[in-house]
Amino acid sequence: MHSRPSFFSCLCWLLFISATAGLQESAASAYKQGNSCDSKFRGSLAHFQDPVVTTDSSTCIIPFSRAGNLIIIRAKVDTMEGNFIFDTGAPTLVLNTTYFRDYPATGGDTDEQGGITGAVASGGHTTVSSLTFGAVKYRGVEADRISLGHLESSKGIKILGMLGMQLFKQFELIIAYEKSIIYIYLISRKDPADYKSDLLKDESKYITSSVDLVENKLITSAFMSGKKLSFIIDTGAESNVIDSRLPNKVFENIIINRRVMLTGTGNKKIEALSGNVNKMTIGNQDINNLPVIVTNLKKLCISYARCLDGMLGFDFLSQQKIGFNFVKRKMYIWK
């Protein structure tokens, strides 16, 4: 049995932090250090084929509930229906091994994986015949399996898995946290190049910014203190995070108000700082007084084979209505 950094072990650690942070007196509201994957996992992503997706109607509305600050969607995998986390930080469909351990493996490691704070079991790859939520239907979906028991315990709900970024690459979607709904539209080749949903017809109500998809991870750029920074946008992260190794000029724009302790699956505690960003600019819109956790993100550089400067989670996404067109690589932020 071998041990190495992996997407799964890091993801479990991050979700554990997000789920338990609100329960610990000294914890931050959450910090999720990126759903990272090492070079071997990135290679395994290459065999993941985009699933066949259809919808019963061109535009549909997906209701969601919340477990803490996590978006929970009711979905059905084959004959099993239950709660899934909507998580753009996860590259693919992820299934909880507790409920899908009997599915046949289709390749990939099943060993215990070494992570940032301890070892986590990976159940390897599998394939499900169908996945549905609302009017959206998928066939032949490849998935990975990890244990989410720690997350279920902290949130107090049964969680079957996570709906990752790969599932939404052909969609335009708009998240309305205040209404607990997601407007979703499957973009087909028949749609005109200038297609926009009715919610996007009035361009005076929102700003448009570019995003990118890198190995099924959603990346955007922001400016702080005149420096261009790269952030992963993660609907499964309960808070924002920024790398403590950035230049001092960036931190002149952050007011630190306390120290926090983050606890991972290996029970290792990591000290971090909590504060607020005075001003961050995305596109041509200034975002003020943004809560953030400051900690060292060196592990992300190793896992991604590139360095990211931080993560934008619930504390950013829920401030206003926000939308994405993953085909055109656009993000829409309402004013």
Protein backbone atom coordinates (compact mmCIF):
# COMPACT_ATOMS: atom_id res chain seq x y z
CA MET A 1 0.00 0.00 0.00
CA HIS A 2 1.45 3.31 -1.01
CA SER A 3 0.86 6.88 0.05
CA ARG A 4 0.85 9.99 -2.12
CA PRO A 5 -0.98 13.32 -2.32
CA SER A 6 -4.24 12.94 -4.23
CA PHE A 7 -7.35 14.79 -5.29
CA PHE A 8 -9.46 12.57 -3.06
CA SER A 9 -7.48 12.93 0.15
CA CYS A 10 -7.21 16.71 -0.26
CA LEU A 11 -10.90 16.94 -1.10
CA CYS A 12 -11.93 14.98 1.99
CA TRP A 13 -9.75 17.21 4.15
CA LEU A 14 -11.21 20.33 2.62
CA LEU A 15 -14.81 19.21 2.91
CA PHE A 16 -14.19 18.19 6.50
CA ILE A 17 -12.89 21.66 7.29
CA SER A 18 -15.85 23.28 5.54
CA ALA A 19 -18.30 21.07 7.37
CA THR A 20 -16.84 21.29 10.87
CA ALA A 21 -15.60 24.86 10.94
CA GLY A 22 -18.92 26.23 12.14
CA LEU A 23 -18.97 23.70 14.98
CA GLN A 24 -15.56 24.60 16.42
CA GLU A 25 -15.22 27.63 18.64
CA SER A 26 -11.86 28.58 17.19
CA ALA A 27 -12.54 27.64 13.59
CA ALA A 28 -13.13 29.86 10.63
CA SER A 29 -16.47 29.71 8.84
CA ALA A 30 -14.59 27.45 6.43
CA TYR A 31 -11.55 27.09 4.26
CA LYS A 32 -11.35 24.77 1.35
CA GLN A 33 -7.85 24.45 -0.07
CA GLY A 34 -8.82 23.58 -3.62
CA ASN A 35 -9.93 20.25 -4.97
CA SER A 36 -6.41 19.36 -5.94
CA CYS A 37 -5.13 16.43 -7.92
CA ASP A 38 -1.60 15.26 -8.53
CA SER A 39 -0.11 14.52 -11.94
CA LYS A 40 -1.24 10.90 -11.87
CA PHE A 41 -4.83 11.89 -11.15
CA ARG A 42 -4.73 14.54 -13.87
CA GLY A 43 -3.71 11.76 -16.22
CA SER A 44 -6.64 9.63 -15.09
CA LEU A 45 -9.01 12.50 -15.88
CA ALA A 46 -8.09 12.17 -19.52
CA HIS A 47 -10.12 8.97 -19.89
CA PHE A 48 -13.24 10.60 -18.45
CA GLN A 49 -15.58 11.14 -21.38
CA ASP A 50 -18.21 13.86 -21.19
CA PRO A 51 -21.55 12.13 -20.54
CA VAL A 52 -24.54 12.31 -22.87
CA VAL A 53 -26.86 15.00 -21.50
CA THR A 54 -30.43 15.96 -22.41
CA THR A 55 -33.19 18.09 -20.89
CA ASP A 56 -36.98 17.82 -20.99
CA SER A 57 -37.24 21.56 -21.59
CA SER A 58 -34.84 24.17 -22.93
CA THR A 59 -34.81 26.12 -19.67
CA CYS A 60 -35.41 24.56 -16.29
CA ILE A 61 -35.26 25.57 -12.66
CA ILE A 62 -33.42 23.42 -10.11
CA PRO A 63 -34.43 24.04 -6.47
CA PHE A 64 -31.78 23.55 -3.82
CA SER A 65 -31.50 23.46 -0.06
CA ARG A 66 -28.49 24.31 2.09
CA ALA A 67 -26.42 22.35 4.57
CA GLY A 68 -24.48 25.14 6.21
CA ASN A 69 -23.28 27.06 3.17
CA LEU A 70 -23.20 24.05 0.85
CA ILE A 71 -25.72 23.85 -2.02
CA ILE A 72 -27.65 20.57 -1.84
CA ILE A 73 -29.47 19.26 -4.92
CA ARG A 74 -31.77 16.23 -4.99
CA ALA A 75 -30.55 13.89 -7.71
CA LYS A 76 -30.99 10.27 -8.73
CA VAL A 77 -28.21 7.89 -9.72
CA ASP A 78 -29.72 4.81 -11.35
CA THR A 79 -32.29 3.75 -8.73
CA MET A 80 -30.84 5.65 -5.76
CA GLU A 81 -32.12 9.15 -5.00
CA GLY A 82 -30.79 11.59 -2.43
CA ASN A 83 -28.66 14.62 -1.59
CA PHE A 84 -25.74 15.74 -3.75
CA ILE A 85 -23.46 18.74 -3.21
CA PHE A 86 -23.29 21.11 -6.18
CA ASP A 87 -19.52 21.51 -6.29
CA THR A 88 -17.72 23.26 -9.15
CA GLY A 89 -14.48 22.59 -7.27
CA ALA A 90 -14.83 18.85 -7.97
CA PRO A 91 -13.77 18.01 -11.55
CA THR A 92 -16.22 15.11 -12.04
CA LEU A 93 -19.16 13.27 -10.51
CA VAL A 94 -18.04 11.98 -7.11
CA LEU A 95 -19.92 9.21 -5.30
CA ASN A 96 -19.92 8.34 -1.60
CA THR A 97 -18.39 4.86 -1.23
CA THR A 98 -20.81 4.13 1.61
CA TYR A 99 -23.64 3.77 -0.90
CA PHE A 100 -21.80 2.86 -4.10
CA ARG A 101 -19.16 0.39 -2.93
CA ASP A 102 -20.82 -2.49 -4.80
CA TYR A 103 -20.54 -0.76 -8.17
CA PRO A 104 -17.87 -2.43 -10.35
CA ALA A 105 -14.57 -0.61 -10.57
CA THR A 106 -13.55 0.58 -14.02
CA GLY A 107 -9.91 1.30 -13.24
CA GLY A 108 -7.90 3.65 -11.05
CA ASP A 109 -6.39 3.28 -7.60
CA THR A 110 -8.35 1.79 -4.74
CA ASP A 111 -5.54 2.08 -2.19
CA GLU A 112 -5.46 4.35 0.80
CA GLN A 113 -4.28 7.76 -0.33
CA GLY A 114 -1.94 9.97 1.65
CA GLY A 115 -3.22 13.49 2.11
CA ILE A 116 -2.30 16.78 3.72
CA THR A 117 -3.43 15.76 7.20
CA GLY A 118 -3.88 12.02 7.00
CA ALA A 119 -4.84 9.03 4.88
CA VAL A 120 -8.20 8.71 3.14
CA ALA A 121 -9.55 5.69 1.28
CA SER A 122 -10.32 6.08 -2.40
CA GLY A 123 -12.83 3.70 -3.96
CA GLY A 124 -11.57 4.13 -7.51
CA HIS A 125 -13.49 4.84 -10.71
CA THR A 126 -16.88 3.46 -11.69
CA THR A 127 -19.67 4.18 -14.18
CA VAL A 128 -23.37 4.81 -13.54
CA SER A 129 -26.03 4.20 -16.19
CA SER A 130 -28.04 7.34 -15.48
CA LEU A 131 -28.01 10.54 -13.45
CA THR A 132 -30.98 12.90 -13.24
CA PHE A 133 -31.90 16.07 -11.37
CA GLY A 134 -34.87 18.22 -12.27
CA ALA A 135 -35.34 18.09 -16.04
CA VAL A 136 -31.65 17.29 -16.67
CA LYS A 137 -30.71 13.75 -17.62
CA TYR A 138 -27.31 12.10 -18.19
CA ARG A 139 -26.42 8.68 -19.55
CA GLY A 140 -23.20 6.75 -19.09
CA VAL A 141 -21.59 8.94 -16.41
CA GLU A 142 -18.13 8.06 -15.20
CA ALA A 143 -17.46 8.82 -11.54
CA ASP A 144 -14.96 8.55 -8.75
CA ARG A 145 -15.65 7.33 -5.24
CA ILE A 146 -14.49 8.59 -1.85
CA SER A 147 -15.83 8.32 1.68
CA LEU A 148 -17.97 11.29 2.73
CA GLY A 149 -18.91 9.91 6.15
CA HIS A 150 -17.16 12.69 8.03
CA LEU A 151 -19.14 15.26 6.05
CA GLU A 152 -22.44 13.48 6.67
CA SER A 153 -21.72 13.39 10.39
CA SER A 154 -20.90 17.08 10.65
CA LYS A 155 -23.84 18.21 8.50
CA GLY A 156 -26.31 15.73 9.92
CA ILE A 157 -27.65 14.64 6.51
CA LYS A 158 -27.18 11.72 4.14
CA ILE A 159 -24.96 12.75 1.19
CA LEU A 160 -24.73 10.48 -1.84
CA GLY A 161 -22.03 12.47 -3.61
CA MET A 162 -21.02 15.63 -5.43
CA LEU A 163 -22.02 17.04 -8.81
CA GLY A 164 -18.73 18.24 -10.28
CA MET A 165 -17.77 20.70 -13.00
CA GLN A 166 -17.68 18.22 -15.89
CA LEU A 167 -21.47 17.79 -15.66
CA PHE A 168 -22.14 21.47 -16.37
CA LYS A 169 -19.71 22.26 -19.21
CA GLN A 170 -22.52 22.49 -21.78
CA PHE A 171 -24.74 24.75 -19.69
CA GLU A 172 -25.52 28.32 -18.87
CA LEU A 173 -26.63 28.58 -15.26
CA ILE A 174 -27.59 31.33 -12.85
CA ILE A 175 -27.52 30.85 -9.08
CA ALA A 176 -30.07 32.80 -7.04
CA TYR A 177 -29.14 32.13 -3.42
CA GLU A 178 -31.93 34.35 -2.11
CA LYS A 179 -34.53 32.16 -3.84
CA SER A 180 -32.66 28.85 -3.39
CA ILE A 181 -32.91 28.05 -7.10
CA ILE A 182 -30.58 27.54 -10.05
CA TYR A 183 -31.73 28.55 -13.54
CA ILE A 184 -30.13 26.19 -16.01
CA TYR A 185 -30.07 26.03 -19.81
CA LEU A 186 -28.49 23.35 -21.98
CA ILE A 187 -26.68 25.09 -24.86
CA SER A 188 -26.89 23.10 -28.08
CA ARG A 189 -25.16 23.52 -31.41
CA LYS A 190 -28.46 24.80 -32.80
CA ASP A 191 -28.47 27.82 -30.48
CA PRO A 192 -27.42 31.13 -32.04
CA ALA A 193 -23.99 32.41 -31.10
CA ASP A 194 -25.53 35.42 -29.34
CA TYR A 195 -27.97 33.36 -27.24
CA LYS A 196 -28.82 34.80 -23.82
CA SER A 197 -31.44 33.73 -21.33
CA ASP A 198 -34.23 36.14 -20.42
CA LEU A 199 -32.46 36.93 -17.14
CA LEU A 200 -29.49 38.24 -19.12
CA LYS A 201 -31.37 40.39 -21.62
CA ASP A 202 -30.96 43.60 -19.57
CA GLU A 203 -27.17 44.05 -19.65
CA SER A 204 -27.35 47.12 -17.40
CA LYS A 205 -28.10 44.88 -14.39
CA TYR A 206 -24.86 42.89 -14.39
CA ILE A 207 -21.22 42.93 -15.39
CA THR A 208 -19.56 40.30 -17.56
CA SER A 209 -16.16 38.80 -16.79
CA SER A 210 -14.11 36.04 -18.35
CA VAL A 211 -13.55 32.63 -16.78
CA ASP A 212 -11.58 29.63 -17.94
CA LEU A 213 -11.93 25.87 -17.56
CA VAL A 214 -8.65 24.14 -16.77
CA GLU A 215 -8.93 20.36 -16.32
CA ASN A 216 -12.57 20.82 -15.26
CA LYS A 217 -11.69 23.53 -12.75
CA LEU A 218 -13.31 26.96 -13.02
CA ILE A 219 -10.72 29.77 -12.91
CA THR A 220 -11.12 33.55 -12.92
CA SER A 221 -8.84 36.56 -12.53
CA ALA A 222 -9.19 39.36 -9.99
CA PHE A 223 -7.14 42.43 -9.12
CA MET A 224 -6.01 43.43 -5.64
CA SER A 225 -3.67 46.35 -5.02
CA GLY A 226 -2.91 46.43 -8.73
CA LYS A 227 -1.81 42.79 -8.85
CA LYS A 228 -3.58 40.24 -11.06
CA LEU A 229 -4.51 37.09 -9.11
CA SER A 230 -5.92 33.72 -10.19
CA PHE A 231 -8.79 32.20 -8.21
CA ILE A 232 -10.68 28.94 -8.50
CA ILE A 233 -14.46 29.42 -8.22
CA ASP A 234 -15.82 26.71 -5.96
CA THR A 235 -19.52 26.38 -5.09
CA GLY A 236 -18.52 23.67 -2.61
CA ALA A 237 -16.31 25.98 -0.55
CA GLU A 238 -18.01 27.66 2.38
CA SER A 239 -15.56 30.55 2.50
CA ASN A 240 -12.94 32.43 0.47
CA VAL A 241 -9.24 31.78 0.86
CA ILE A 242 -6.07 33.58 -0.24
CA ASP A 243 -2.43 32.49 -0.26
CA SER A 244 -0.34 33.88 2.59
CA ARG A 245 2.76 33.89 0.34
CA LEU A 246 1.49 36.73 -1.86
CA PRO A 247 3.39 40.05 -1.86
CA ASN A 248 3.00 42.36 1.13
CA LYS A 249 1.34 44.94 -1.12
CA VAL A 250 -1.67 42.62 -1.47
CA PHE A 251 -2.04 42.28 2.30
CA GLU A 252 -2.13 46.03 2.76
CA ASN A 253 -5.62 45.61 1.30
CA ILE A 254 -6.67 43.00 3.89
CA ILE A 255 -7.74 43.73 7.47
CA ILE A 256 -6.93 40.76 9.72
CA ASN A 257 -9.27 40.44 12.68
CA ARG A 258 -8.44 37.08 14.31
CA ARG A 259 -6.50 33.84 14.23
CA VAL A 260 -8.34 30.59 13.55
CA MET A 261 -7.54 26.89 13.79
CA LEU A 262 -8.43 24.57 10.91
CA THR A 263 -8.74 20.84 11.55
CA GLY A 264 -8.36 18.17 8.87
CA THR A 265 -9.23 14.51 8.53
CA GLY A 266 -5.92 13.52 10.07
CA ASN A 267 -6.79 15.58 13.17
CA LYS A 268 -3.88 17.88 12.42
CA LYS A 269 -4.60 21.49 13.28
CA ILE A 270 -3.38 24.29 11.05
CA GLU A 271 -3.33 27.92 12.16
CA ALA A 272 -4.64 30.51 9.72
CA LEU A 273 -5.80 34.12 9.73
CA SER A 274 -9.29 35.47 9.17
CA GLY A 275 -10.03 38.92 7.83
CA ASN A 276 -11.69 41.06 5.18
CA VAL A 277 -10.50 42.25 1.78
CA ASN A 278 -11.11 45.99 1.48
CA LYS A 279 -11.46 45.89 -2.30
CA MET A 280 -11.16 43.30 -5.03
CA THR A 281 -11.93 44.02 -8.68
CA ILE A 282 -13.39 41.43 -11.03
CA GLY A 283 -14.12 42.66 -14.53
CA ASN A 284 -15.02 46.30 -13.97
CA GLN A 285 -16.83 45.70 -10.68
CA ASP A 286 -15.36 46.43 -7.26
CA ILE A 287 -16.19 43.94 -4.53
CA ASN A 288 -15.75 45.40 -1.07
CA ASN A 289 -15.43 44.01 2.45
CA LEU A 290 -15.06 40.39 1.32
CA PRO A 291 -14.43 37.81 4.11
CA VAL A 292 -11.32 35.72 3.55
CA ILE A 293 -9.12 33.09 5.21
CA VAL A 294 -5.36 33.60 4.79
CA THR A 295 -3.13 30.52 4.78
CA ASN A 296 -0.27 28.92 2.87
CA LEU A 297 -1.40 27.37 -0.44
CA LYS A 298 1.90 25.78 -1.40
CA LYS A 299 0.20 22.38 -1.67
CA LEU A 300 -1.97 23.72 -4.49
CA CYS A 301 1.09 24.45 -6.63
CA ILE A 302 2.23 20.84 -6.28
CA SER A 303 -1.22 19.38 -6.87
CA TYR A 304 -2.24 21.57 -9.82
CA ALA A 305 1.22 21.80 -11.41
CA ARG A 306 0.49 25.54 -11.32
CA CYS A 307 -0.03 28.02 -8.53
CA LEU A 308 -3.41 29.54 -7.76
CA ASP A 309 -3.65 32.58 -5.53
CA GLY A 310 -6.88 31.63 -3.80
CA MET A 311 -10.43 30.40 -3.89
CA LEU A 312 -13.80 32.13 -4.16
CA GLY A 313 -16.57 30.30 -2.32
CA PHE A 314 -19.90 30.98 -0.64
CA ASP A 315 -18.93 34.33 0.88
CA PHE A 316 -18.31 35.64 -2.64
CA LEU A 317 -20.93 33.76 -4.63
CA SER A 318 -23.85 34.52 -2.32
CA GLN A 319 -23.34 38.30 -2.19
CA GLN A 320 -25.37 38.77 -5.34
CA LYS A 321 -27.04 36.82 -8.12
CA ILE A 322 -24.31 35.20 -10.16
CA GLY A 323 -24.27 33.30 -13.44
CA PHE A 324 -21.98 31.36 -15.75
CA ASN A 325 -21.93 30.41 -19.41
CA PHE A 326 -19.44 27.55 -19.46
CA VAL A 327 -19.53 27.26 -23.26
CA LYS A 328 -18.61 30.92 -23.81
CA ARG A 329 -16.42 31.01 -20.67
CA LYS A 330 -18.29 33.97 -19.17
CA MET A 331 -19.29 34.92 -15.63
CA TYR A 332 -22.14 37.32 -14.88
CA ILE A 333 -22.18 39.26 -11.59
CA TRP A 334 -25.31 41.24 -10.78
CA LYS A 335 -24.80 44.80 -9.51
